[in-house]
């Protein structure tokens, strides 16, 4: 792997920025996967100690739902990390750090599926993949500003779910349809 920049998890380089997301994946199949936004990395430890005041819990989903999205997310992130010359990441049991921009994109997908039926997850993945990274960042920012905490499942958070899970995108349609759908859903609430 010579020539590739090393990183922790998915693209996280603590010497570049301490801001990251941390995904905690439990061993039990019936466990819950948690997602945290963090601004400090504890060096020289295999396990990050979470601080309830500083580390913000953003979402949680069943491990079953996690298993339905993890491969698509890994493939998308590693494709982009490869283009940047950064070592590929992998999901593993325990804590996995994710670079802050990739973490925003991941959270957008997680928010879309957290309260959805698992049968719509393939649609959510297709729609999520149909968005550019910049569109994902913008949608994360808008959602996070008003409903970005663990139990904030209203407003933008609901609109994201509807936009990504109930709006199947045909290959020949413009992705802007998702934005139009999102804004219409927001107006109705």
N, C-alpha and C. Protein backbone atom coordinates (compact mmCIF):
# COMPACT_ATOMS: atom_id res chain seq x y z
N UNK A 1 0.81 -1.19 0.00
CA UNK A 1 0.00 0.00 0.00
C UNK A 1 0.86 1.25 0.00
N UNK A 2 2.03 1.17 -0.55
CA UNK A 2 2.91 2.34 -0.56
C UNK A 2 2.26 3.45 -1.37
N UNK A 3 2.50 4.68 -0.93
CA UNK A 3 1.94 5.83 -1.61
C UNK A 3 0.56 6.24 -1.10
N UNK A 4 -0.09 5.40 -0.34
CA UNK A 4 -1.41 5.74 0.22
C UNK A 4 -1.22 6.37 1.58
N UNK A 5 -1.99 7.43 1.83
CA UNK A 5 -1.97 8.06 3.15
C UNK A 5 -2.73 7.16 4.12
N UNK A 6 -2.16 6.96 5.28
CA UNK A 6 -2.84 6.13 6.27
C UNK A 6 -3.96 6.93 6.92
N UNK A 7 -4.95 6.20 7.38
CA UNK A 7 -6.10 6.82 8.04
C UNK A 7 -6.69 5.80 8.99
N UNK A 8 -7.42 6.29 9.95
CA UNK A 8 -8.15 5.43 10.87
C UNK A 8 -9.56 5.27 10.33
N UNK A 9 -10.11 4.05 10.45
CA UNK A 9 -11.48 3.83 10.00
C UNK A 9 -11.64 4.22 8.54
N UNK A 10 -12.55 5.14 8.30
CA UNK A 10 -12.82 5.63 6.94
C UNK A 10 -12.32 7.06 6.79
N UNK A 11 -11.06 7.19 6.39
CA UNK A 11 -10.50 8.49 6.02
C UNK A 11 -10.17 9.42 7.17
N UNK A 12 -10.31 9.00 8.41
CA UNK A 12 -10.06 9.89 9.53
C UNK A 12 -8.57 10.01 9.82
N UNK A 13 -8.07 11.23 9.75
CA UNK A 13 -6.68 11.53 10.02
C UNK A 13 -6.63 12.56 11.16
N UNK A 14 -6.48 12.10 12.39
CA UNK A 14 -6.56 13.01 13.53
C UNK A 14 -5.55 14.15 13.50
N UNK A 15 -4.43 13.96 12.81
CA UNK A 15 -3.44 15.04 12.73
C UNK A 15 -3.90 16.16 11.79
N UNK A 16 -4.90 15.88 10.93
CA UNK A 16 -5.46 16.89 10.03
C UNK A 16 -6.61 17.65 10.68
N UNK A 17 -7.48 16.91 11.37
CA UNK A 17 -8.64 17.50 12.05
C UNK A 17 -9.14 16.52 13.09
N UNK A 18 -9.47 17.01 14.25
CA UNK A 18 -9.99 16.15 15.32
C UNK A 18 -11.48 15.87 15.13
N UNK A 19 -12.16 16.68 14.32
CA UNK A 19 -13.60 16.53 14.08
C UNK A 19 -13.84 15.25 13.29
N UNK A 20 -14.70 14.39 13.82
CA UNK A 20 -14.98 13.12 13.16
C UNK A 20 -16.30 12.57 13.67
N UNK A 21 -16.72 11.47 13.08
CA UNK A 21 -17.89 10.73 13.56
C UNK A 21 -17.37 9.38 14.02
N UNK A 22 -18.04 8.82 15.02
CA UNK A 22 -17.64 7.53 15.55
C UNK A 22 -18.85 6.60 15.48
N UNK A 23 -18.67 5.48 14.80
CA UNK A 23 -19.71 4.48 14.68
C UNK A 23 -19.36 3.35 15.64
N UNK A 24 -20.30 3.00 16.52
CA UNK A 24 -20.05 1.89 17.44
C UNK A 24 -20.93 0.71 17.01
N UNK A 25 -20.26 -0.37 16.66
CA UNK A 25 -20.94 -1.56 16.13
C UNK A 25 -20.81 -2.68 17.16
N UNK A 26 -21.96 -3.15 17.67
CA UNK A 26 -21.91 -4.19 18.70
C UNK A 26 -21.69 -5.58 18.09
N UNK A 27 -21.24 -6.49 18.92
CA UNK A 27 -21.06 -7.87 18.48
C UNK A 27 -22.40 -8.59 18.30
N UNK A 28 -23.34 -8.50 19.26
CA UNK A 28 -24.60 -9.25 19.13
C UNK A 28 -25.41 -8.84 17.89
N UNK A 29 -26.00 -9.83 17.24
CA UNK A 29 -26.81 -9.58 16.04
C UNK A 29 -28.04 -8.74 16.33
N UNK A 30 -28.53 -8.78 17.58
CA UNK A 30 -29.71 -7.99 17.92
C UNK A 30 -29.33 -6.68 18.61
N UNK A 31 -28.08 -6.27 18.48
CA UNK A 31 -27.60 -5.04 19.11
C UNK A 31 -28.01 -3.79 18.34
N UNK A 32 -27.58 -2.66 18.87
CA UNK A 32 -27.88 -1.35 18.28
C UNK A 32 -26.58 -0.66 17.89
N UNK A 33 -26.55 -0.10 16.68
CA UNK A 33 -25.39 0.65 16.19
C UNK A 33 -25.65 2.12 16.52
N UNK A 34 -24.65 2.76 17.16
CA UNK A 34 -24.76 4.17 17.52
C UNK A 34 -23.80 5.01 16.70
N UNK A 35 -24.20 6.27 16.48
CA UNK A 35 -23.41 7.21 15.68
C UNK A 35 -23.21 8.48 16.51
N UNK A 36 -21.96 8.90 16.66
CA UNK A 36 -21.62 10.07 17.46
C UNK A 36 -20.84 11.06 16.62
N UNK A 37 -21.07 12.34 16.85
CA UNK A 37 -20.22 13.39 16.28
C UNK A 37 -19.29 13.82 17.39
N UNK A 38 -17.98 13.86 17.07
CA UNK A 38 -16.97 14.16 18.08
C UNK A 38 -16.00 15.20 17.57
N UNK A 39 -15.42 15.95 18.49
CA UNK A 39 -14.49 17.02 18.14
C UNK A 39 -13.11 16.83 18.77
N UNK A 40 -12.92 15.71 19.43
CA UNK A 40 -11.63 15.42 20.06
C UNK A 40 -11.33 13.93 19.91
N UNK A 41 -10.07 13.63 19.59
CA UNK A 41 -9.62 12.26 19.45
C UNK A 41 -8.62 11.98 20.57
N UNK A 42 -8.85 10.90 21.28
CA UNK A 42 -7.93 10.50 22.36
C UNK A 42 -6.83 9.63 21.76
N UNK A 43 -5.62 10.14 21.79
CA UNK A 43 -4.47 9.43 21.21
C UNK A 43 -4.05 8.26 22.09
N UNK A 44 -3.31 7.34 21.51
CA UNK A 44 -2.68 6.22 22.21
C UNK A 44 -3.66 5.35 22.99
N UNK A 45 -4.82 5.11 22.41
CA UNK A 45 -5.78 4.20 23.03
C UNK A 45 -6.53 3.46 21.94
N UNK A 46 -6.89 2.23 22.20
CA UNK A 46 -7.66 1.44 21.24
C UNK A 46 -9.15 1.70 21.35
N UNK A 47 -9.56 2.30 22.46
CA UNK A 47 -10.99 2.52 22.70
C UNK A 47 -11.22 3.96 23.14
N UNK A 48 -12.04 4.68 22.39
CA UNK A 48 -12.37 6.06 22.74
C UNK A 48 -13.38 6.07 23.88
N UNK A 49 -13.14 6.93 24.85
CA UNK A 49 -14.08 7.08 25.97
C UNK A 49 -15.02 8.22 25.59
N UNK A 50 -16.31 7.90 25.52
CA UNK A 50 -17.30 8.90 25.11
C UNK A 50 -17.67 9.79 26.29
N UNK A 51 -17.77 11.08 26.01
CA UNK A 51 -18.14 12.09 27.01
C UNK A 51 -19.53 12.61 26.64
N UNK A 52 -20.52 12.38 27.47
CA UNK A 52 -21.90 12.77 27.17
C UNK A 52 -22.06 14.26 26.91
N UNK A 53 -21.19 15.09 27.49
CA UNK A 53 -21.30 16.54 27.30
C UNK A 53 -20.67 17.00 25.99
N UNK A 54 -19.60 16.34 25.57
CA UNK A 54 -18.87 16.77 24.38
C UNK A 54 -19.21 15.97 23.13
N UNK A 55 -19.43 14.68 23.28
CA UNK A 55 -19.69 13.82 22.14
C UNK A 55 -21.20 13.74 21.92
N UNK A 56 -21.64 14.11 20.74
CA UNK A 56 -23.07 14.21 20.45
C UNK A 56 -23.60 12.95 19.79
N UNK A 57 -24.49 12.25 20.50
CA UNK A 57 -25.16 11.10 19.91
C UNK A 57 -26.12 11.62 18.84
N UNK A 58 -25.97 11.13 17.63
CA UNK A 58 -26.75 11.64 16.50
C UNK A 58 -27.84 10.68 16.04
N UNK A 59 -27.60 9.38 16.16
CA UNK A 59 -28.58 8.41 15.67
C UNK A 59 -28.24 7.02 16.20
N UNK A 60 -29.23 6.14 16.10
CA UNK A 60 -29.03 4.73 16.40
C UNK A 60 -29.96 3.93 15.51
N UNK A 61 -29.47 2.78 15.07
CA UNK A 61 -30.28 1.87 14.26
C UNK A 61 -29.98 0.44 14.69
N UNK A 62 -30.89 -0.44 14.36
CA UNK A 62 -30.67 -1.85 14.68
C UNK A 62 -29.50 -2.38 13.85
N UNK A 63 -28.85 -3.39 14.37
CA UNK A 63 -27.76 -3.98 13.62
C UNK A 63 -28.28 -4.60 12.32
N UNK A 64 -29.52 -5.06 12.33
CA UNK A 64 -30.13 -5.59 11.10
C UNK A 64 -30.14 -4.52 10.00
N UNK A 65 -30.61 -3.32 10.33
CA UNK A 65 -30.61 -2.24 9.33
C UNK A 65 -29.19 -1.87 8.93
N UNK A 66 -28.29 -1.85 9.91
CA UNK A 66 -26.89 -1.54 9.62
C UNK A 66 -26.33 -2.51 8.58
N UNK A 67 -26.61 -3.79 8.75
CA UNK A 67 -26.11 -4.80 7.82
C UNK A 67 -26.63 -4.56 6.41
N UNK A 68 -27.82 -3.96 6.29
CA UNK A 68 -28.39 -3.70 4.97
C UNK A 68 -27.72 -2.52 4.25
N UNK A 69 -27.06 -1.63 4.99
CA UNK A 69 -26.41 -0.47 4.34
C UNK A 69 -24.89 -0.52 4.36
N UNK A 70 -24.30 -1.29 5.23
CA UNK A 70 -22.85 -1.19 5.45
C UNK A 70 -22.01 -1.43 4.21
N UNK A 71 -22.38 -2.39 3.38
CA UNK A 71 -21.58 -2.70 2.19
C UNK A 71 -21.65 -1.56 1.16
N UNK A 72 -22.84 -1.03 0.94
CA UNK A 72 -22.98 0.08 -0.02
C UNK A 72 -22.20 1.31 0.44
N UNK A 73 -22.26 1.60 1.73
CA UNK A 73 -21.53 2.75 2.28
C UNK A 73 -20.03 2.51 2.16
N UNK A 74 -19.58 1.32 2.52
CA UNK A 74 -18.15 0.99 2.43
C UNK A 74 -17.65 1.14 0.99
N UNK A 75 -18.41 0.63 0.04
CA UNK A 75 -18.01 0.70 -1.36
C UNK A 75 -17.92 2.15 -1.83
N UNK A 76 -18.93 2.95 -1.50
CA UNK A 76 -18.94 4.37 -1.89
C UNK A 76 -17.78 5.12 -1.26
N UNK A 77 -17.58 4.95 0.04
CA UNK A 77 -16.51 5.68 0.72
C UNK A 77 -15.13 5.25 0.22
N UNK A 78 -14.92 3.95 0.07
CA UNK A 78 -13.60 3.48 -0.38
C UNK A 78 -13.31 3.89 -1.81
N UNK A 79 -14.32 3.97 -2.65
CA UNK A 79 -14.11 4.47 -4.02
C UNK A 79 -13.56 5.89 -3.98
N UNK A 80 -14.13 6.71 -3.13
CA UNK A 80 -13.69 8.11 -3.03
C UNK A 80 -12.36 8.25 -2.30
N UNK A 81 -12.14 7.43 -1.28
CA UNK A 81 -10.85 7.48 -0.58
C UNK A 81 -9.72 7.08 -1.52
N UNK A 82 -9.97 6.09 -2.35
CA UNK A 82 -8.96 5.64 -3.32
C UNK A 82 -8.57 6.79 -4.25
N UNK A 83 -9.58 7.55 -4.71
CA UNK A 83 -9.31 8.70 -5.59
C UNK A 83 -8.43 9.74 -4.91
N UNK A 84 -8.55 9.83 -3.58
CA UNK A 84 -7.77 10.80 -2.81
C UNK A 84 -6.43 10.24 -2.35
N UNK A 85 -6.16 8.97 -2.68
CA UNK A 85 -4.90 8.35 -2.27
C UNK A 85 -4.86 8.00 -0.78
N UNK A 86 -6.01 7.77 -0.20
CA UNK A 86 -6.12 7.43 1.22
C UNK A 86 -6.49 5.95 1.34
N UNK A 87 -5.87 5.29 2.30
CA UNK A 87 -6.12 3.86 2.51
C UNK A 87 -7.60 3.58 2.72
N UNK A 88 -8.05 2.44 2.20
CA UNK A 88 -9.44 2.02 2.32
C UNK A 88 -9.79 1.70 3.78
N UNK A 89 -11.07 1.83 4.08
CA UNK A 89 -11.54 1.52 5.42
C UNK A 89 -12.37 0.26 5.42
N UNK A 90 -12.68 -0.22 6.61
CA UNK A 90 -13.57 -1.38 6.73
C UNK A 90 -14.35 -1.25 8.02
N UNK A 91 -15.54 -1.82 8.02
CA UNK A 91 -16.37 -1.84 9.22
C UNK A 91 -15.96 -3.03 10.06
N UNK A 92 -15.91 -2.84 11.36
CA UNK A 92 -15.57 -3.93 12.27
C UNK A 92 -16.35 -3.74 13.56
N UNK A 93 -16.48 -4.80 14.32
CA UNK A 93 -17.13 -4.71 15.62
C UNK A 93 -16.31 -3.77 16.50
N UNK A 94 -17.01 -2.92 17.24
CA UNK A 94 -16.34 -1.96 18.11
C UNK A 94 -16.53 -0.56 17.57
N UNK A 95 -15.52 0.27 17.70
CA UNK A 95 -15.60 1.67 17.28
C UNK A 95 -14.87 1.89 15.96
N UNK A 96 -15.53 2.58 15.05
CA UNK A 96 -14.94 2.89 13.74
C UNK A 96 -15.06 4.39 13.51
N UNK A 97 -13.92 5.11 13.47
CA UNK A 97 -13.99 6.55 13.18
C UNK A 97 -14.22 6.79 11.69
N UNK A 98 -14.94 7.87 11.41
CA UNK A 98 -15.25 8.25 10.03
C UNK A 98 -14.92 9.74 9.87
N UNK A 99 -14.19 10.06 8.84
CA UNK A 99 -13.84 11.45 8.53
C UNK A 99 -15.11 12.29 8.53
N UNK A 100 -15.03 13.55 8.93
CA UNK A 100 -16.21 14.37 9.18
C UNK A 100 -17.15 14.53 7.99
N UNK A 101 -16.65 14.73 6.79
CA UNK A 101 -17.55 14.89 5.65
C UNK A 101 -18.21 13.56 5.27
N UNK A 102 -17.44 12.49 5.33
CA UNK A 102 -18.03 11.17 5.07
C UNK A 102 -19.05 10.84 6.16
N UNK A 103 -18.76 11.24 7.38
CA UNK A 103 -19.69 11.01 8.49
C UNK A 103 -21.01 11.73 8.28
N UNK A 104 -20.95 12.93 7.74
CA UNK A 104 -22.19 13.67 7.45
C UNK A 104 -23.03 12.91 6.43
N UNK A 105 -22.37 12.37 5.43
CA UNK A 105 -23.08 11.61 4.40
C UNK A 105 -23.69 10.34 4.98
N UNK A 106 -22.93 9.66 5.82
CA UNK A 106 -23.42 8.45 6.46
C UNK A 106 -24.64 8.76 7.31
N UNK A 107 -24.57 9.82 8.10
CA UNK A 107 -25.71 10.18 8.97
C UNK A 107 -26.95 10.48 8.16
N UNK A 108 -26.79 11.11 7.02
CA UNK A 108 -27.96 11.40 6.18
C UNK A 108 -28.69 10.10 5.82
N UNK A 109 -27.95 9.09 5.42
CA UNK A 109 -28.56 7.81 5.08
C UNK A 109 -29.17 7.15 6.32
N UNK A 110 -28.46 7.19 7.42
CA UNK A 110 -28.96 6.59 8.66
C UNK A 110 -30.25 7.28 9.10
N UNK A 111 -30.30 8.60 9.05
CA UNK A 111 -31.52 9.32 9.42
C UNK A 111 -32.68 8.91 8.53
N UNK A 112 -32.39 8.66 7.26
CA UNK A 112 -33.45 8.28 6.32
C UNK A 112 -34.06 6.92 6.67
N UNK A 113 -33.25 6.02 7.21
CA UNK A 113 -33.75 4.65 7.43
C UNK A 113 -34.06 4.33 8.89
N UNK A 114 -33.72 5.22 9.81
CA UNK A 114 -33.84 4.87 11.24
C UNK A 114 -35.24 4.43 11.64
N UNK A 115 -36.27 5.04 11.08
CA UNK A 115 -37.65 4.68 11.43
C UNK A 115 -38.40 4.07 10.26
N UNK A 116 -37.68 3.63 9.26
CA UNK A 116 -38.34 3.08 8.07
C UNK A 116 -38.43 1.56 8.16
N UNK A 117 -39.29 1.02 7.34
CA UNK A 117 -39.38 -0.43 7.19
C UNK A 117 -38.11 -0.88 6.43
N UNK A 118 -37.48 -1.97 6.84
CA UNK A 118 -36.28 -2.42 6.14
C UNK A 118 -36.47 -2.67 4.64
N UNK A 119 -37.70 -2.92 4.21
CA UNK A 119 -37.94 -3.19 2.79
C UNK A 119 -37.65 -1.98 1.89
N UNK A 120 -37.64 -0.76 2.45
CA UNK A 120 -37.39 0.44 1.62
C UNK A 120 -35.92 0.85 1.64
N UNK A 121 -35.10 0.13 2.36
CA UNK A 121 -33.68 0.50 2.45
C UNK A 121 -32.98 0.46 1.09
N UNK A 122 -33.24 -0.51 0.21
CA UNK A 122 -32.60 -0.46 -1.12
C UNK A 122 -32.94 0.83 -1.88
N UNK A 123 -34.16 1.31 -1.75
CA UNK A 123 -34.54 2.57 -2.40
C UNK A 123 -33.76 3.72 -1.79
N UNK A 124 -33.63 3.73 -0.46
CA UNK A 124 -32.88 4.79 0.22
C UNK A 124 -31.42 4.79 -0.24
N UNK A 125 -30.84 3.63 -0.37
CA UNK A 125 -29.44 3.54 -0.81
C UNK A 125 -29.31 4.08 -2.23
N UNK A 126 -30.21 3.66 -3.13
CA UNK A 126 -30.15 4.15 -4.53
C UNK A 126 -30.27 5.66 -4.58
N UNK A 127 -31.22 6.21 -3.81
CA UNK A 127 -31.39 7.66 -3.82
C UNK A 127 -30.20 8.38 -3.19
N UNK A 128 -29.66 7.82 -2.13
CA UNK A 128 -28.48 8.39 -1.47
C UNK A 128 -27.29 8.39 -2.42
N UNK A 129 -27.10 7.28 -3.12
CA UNK A 129 -26.00 7.20 -4.09
C UNK A 129 -26.21 8.15 -5.26
N UNK A 130 -27.47 8.47 -5.56
CA UNK A 130 -27.77 9.39 -6.65
C UNK A 130 -27.46 10.85 -6.34
N UNK A 131 -27.24 11.16 -5.08
CA UNK A 131 -26.87 12.52 -4.68
C UNK A 131 -25.37 12.70 -4.75
N UNK A 132 -24.94 13.90 -5.09
CA UNK A 132 -23.51 14.20 -5.05
C UNK A 132 -23.10 14.38 -3.60
N UNK A 133 -21.81 14.26 -3.29
CA UNK A 133 -21.37 14.50 -1.91
C UNK A 133 -21.81 15.89 -1.41
N UNK A 134 -21.72 16.88 -2.27
CA UNK A 134 -22.10 18.24 -1.86
C UNK A 134 -23.58 18.33 -1.51
N UNK A 135 -24.41 17.62 -2.25
CA UNK A 135 -25.85 17.60 -1.92
C UNK A 135 -26.09 16.90 -0.59
N UNK A 136 -25.37 15.83 -0.35
CA UNK A 136 -25.49 15.12 0.93
C UNK A 136 -25.06 16.02 2.09
N UNK A 137 -23.95 16.75 1.90
CA UNK A 137 -23.47 17.65 2.96
C UNK A 137 -24.50 18.72 3.26
N UNK A 138 -25.07 19.30 2.19
CA UNK A 138 -26.07 20.36 2.38
C UNK A 138 -27.29 19.82 3.11
N UNK A 139 -27.78 18.67 2.69
CA UNK A 139 -28.95 18.08 3.36
C UNK A 139 -28.64 17.73 4.82
N UNK A 140 -27.44 17.24 5.07
CA UNK A 140 -27.05 16.98 6.46
C UNK A 140 -27.07 18.28 7.25
N UNK A 141 -26.47 19.33 6.72
CA UNK A 141 -26.38 20.61 7.43
C UNK A 141 -27.76 21.15 7.75
N UNK A 142 -28.67 21.11 6.79
CA UNK A 142 -30.03 21.62 7.02
C UNK A 142 -30.75 20.78 8.07
N UNK A 143 -30.60 19.47 8.00
CA UNK A 143 -31.27 18.58 8.94
C UNK A 143 -30.65 18.71 10.33
N UNK A 144 -29.34 18.72 10.38
CA UNK A 144 -28.62 18.78 11.65
C UNK A 144 -28.91 20.07 12.41
N UNK A 145 -29.12 21.17 11.68
CA UNK A 145 -29.36 22.46 12.33
C UNK A 145 -30.61 22.46 13.20
N UNK A 146 -31.62 21.73 12.79
CA UNK A 146 -32.88 21.76 13.55
C UNK A 146 -33.23 20.43 14.21
N UNK A 147 -32.79 19.33 13.65
CA UNK A 147 -33.20 18.02 14.19
C UNK A 147 -32.04 17.03 14.17
N UNK A 148 -30.88 17.45 14.62
CA UNK A 148 -29.69 16.61 14.52
C UNK A 148 -29.34 15.76 15.73
N UNK A 149 -30.14 15.82 16.77
CA UNK A 149 -29.83 15.03 17.95
C UNK A 149 -30.48 13.65 17.89
N UNK A 150 -30.07 12.80 18.78
CA UNK A 150 -30.48 11.40 18.78
C UNK A 150 -31.98 11.18 18.64
N UNK A 151 -32.77 11.91 19.40
CA UNK A 151 -34.22 11.66 19.42
C UNK A 151 -35.04 12.71 18.67
N UNK A 152 -34.40 13.54 17.86
CA UNK A 152 -35.10 14.57 17.08
C UNK A 152 -35.64 13.97 15.79
N UNK A 153 -36.79 13.35 15.85
CA UNK A 153 -37.31 12.65 14.67
C UNK A 153 -38.53 13.37 14.12
N UNK A 154 -38.34 14.63 13.78
CA UNK A 154 -39.42 15.44 13.24
C UNK A 154 -38.84 16.38 12.19
N UNK A 155 -39.68 17.17 11.58
CA UNK A 155 -39.22 18.20 10.64
C UNK A 155 -38.34 17.65 9.53
N UNK A 156 -37.16 18.23 9.39
CA UNK A 156 -36.23 17.84 8.34
C UNK A 156 -35.90 16.36 8.39
N UNK A 157 -35.82 15.82 9.59
CA UNK A 157 -35.47 14.41 9.74
C UNK A 157 -36.54 13.53 9.08
N UNK A 158 -37.81 13.87 9.28
CA UNK A 158 -38.89 13.13 8.61
C UNK A 158 -38.84 13.34 7.10
N UNK A 159 -38.58 14.57 6.72
CA UNK A 159 -38.54 14.88 5.28
C UNK A 159 -37.43 14.09 4.58
N UNK A 160 -36.30 13.95 5.24
CA UNK A 160 -35.20 13.15 4.67
C UNK A 160 -35.65 11.70 4.48
N UNK A 161 -36.35 11.18 5.47
CA UNK A 161 -36.84 9.80 5.35
C UNK A 161 -37.76 9.66 4.14
N UNK A 162 -38.72 10.57 4.02
CA UNK A 162 -39.64 10.50 2.88
C UNK A 162 -38.90 10.67 1.55
N UNK A 163 -38.00 11.62 1.51
CA UNK A 163 -37.28 11.91 0.26
C UNK A 163 -36.44 10.73 -0.21
N UNK A 164 -35.78 10.06 0.71
CA UNK A 164 -34.89 8.98 0.30
C UNK A 164 -35.55 7.61 0.24
N UNK A 165 -36.62 7.39 1.01
CA UNK A 165 -37.21 6.05 1.02
C UNK A 165 -38.50 5.94 0.22
N UNK A 166 -39.20 7.05 0.00
CA UNK A 166 -40.50 6.97 -0.67
C UNK A 166 -40.51 7.69 -2.01
N UNK A 167 -39.37 7.93 -2.55
CA UNK A 167 -39.26 8.64 -3.81
C UNK A 167 -38.31 7.88 -4.71
N UNK A 168 -38.74 6.74 -5.24
CA UNK A 168 -37.80 5.96 -6.06
C UNK A 168 -37.35 6.75 -7.28
N UNK A 169 -36.06 6.81 -7.45
CA UNK A 169 -35.49 7.56 -8.56
C UNK A 169 -35.26 6.62 -9.73
N UNK A 170 -35.84 6.97 -10.85
CA UNK A 170 -35.58 6.20 -12.06
C UNK A 170 -34.24 6.66 -12.61
N UNK A 171 -33.56 5.78 -13.27
CA UNK A 171 -32.22 6.10 -13.76
C UNK A 171 -32.20 7.32 -14.68
N UNK A 172 -33.27 7.57 -15.42
CA UNK A 172 -33.25 8.67 -16.38
C UNK A 172 -33.82 9.98 -15.82
N UNK A 173 -34.26 9.99 -14.56
CA UNK A 173 -34.78 11.21 -13.96
C UNK A 173 -33.67 12.01 -13.32
N UNK A 174 -33.85 13.32 -13.27
CA UNK A 174 -32.87 14.18 -12.63
C UNK A 174 -32.93 14.00 -11.13
N UNK A 175 -31.79 14.08 -10.48
CA UNK A 175 -31.74 13.95 -9.03
C UNK A 175 -32.41 15.12 -8.33
N UNK A 176 -32.56 16.23 -9.00
CA UNK A 176 -33.22 17.38 -8.38
C UNK A 176 -34.63 17.02 -7.94
N UNK A 177 -35.24 15.99 -8.51
CA UNK A 177 -36.57 15.58 -8.07
C UNK A 177 -36.59 15.30 -6.57
N UNK A 178 -35.48 14.78 -6.04
CA UNK A 178 -35.41 14.52 -4.61
C UNK A 178 -35.52 15.81 -3.81
N UNK A 179 -34.83 16.85 -4.27
CA UNK A 179 -34.89 18.13 -3.57
C UNK A 179 -36.30 18.72 -3.64
N UNK A 180 -36.91 18.65 -4.80
CA UNK A 180 -38.28 19.15 -4.94
C UNK A 180 -39.22 18.40 -4.02
N UNK A 181 -39.08 17.08 -3.96
CA UNK A 181 -39.92 16.26 -3.09
C UNK A 181 -39.68 16.62 -1.62
N UNK A 182 -38.43 16.81 -1.25
CA UNK A 182 -38.08 17.16 0.12
C UNK A 182 -38.74 18.47 0.54
N UNK A 183 -38.66 19.47 -0.30
CA UNK A 183 -39.24 20.76 0.04
C UNK A 183 -40.77 20.72 0.10
N UNK A 184 -41.38 19.92 -0.77
CA UNK A 184 -42.83 19.76 -0.71
C UNK A 184 -43.24 19.08 0.60
N UNK A 185 -42.49 18.07 1.02
CA UNK A 185 -42.79 17.38 2.28
C UNK A 185 -42.64 18.34 3.46
N UNK A 186 -41.60 19.18 3.42
CA UNK A 186 -41.36 20.12 4.51
C UNK A 186 -42.51 21.13 4.60
N UNK A 187 -43.03 21.57 3.48
CA UNK A 187 -44.14 22.53 3.47
C UNK A 187 -45.40 21.92 4.08
N UNK A 188 -45.61 20.63 3.85
CA UNK A 188 -46.82 19.96 4.34
C UNK A 188 -46.82 19.79 5.85
N UNK A 189 -45.66 19.83 6.49
CA UNK A 189 -45.59 19.59 7.95
C UNK A 189 -45.85 20.83 8.75
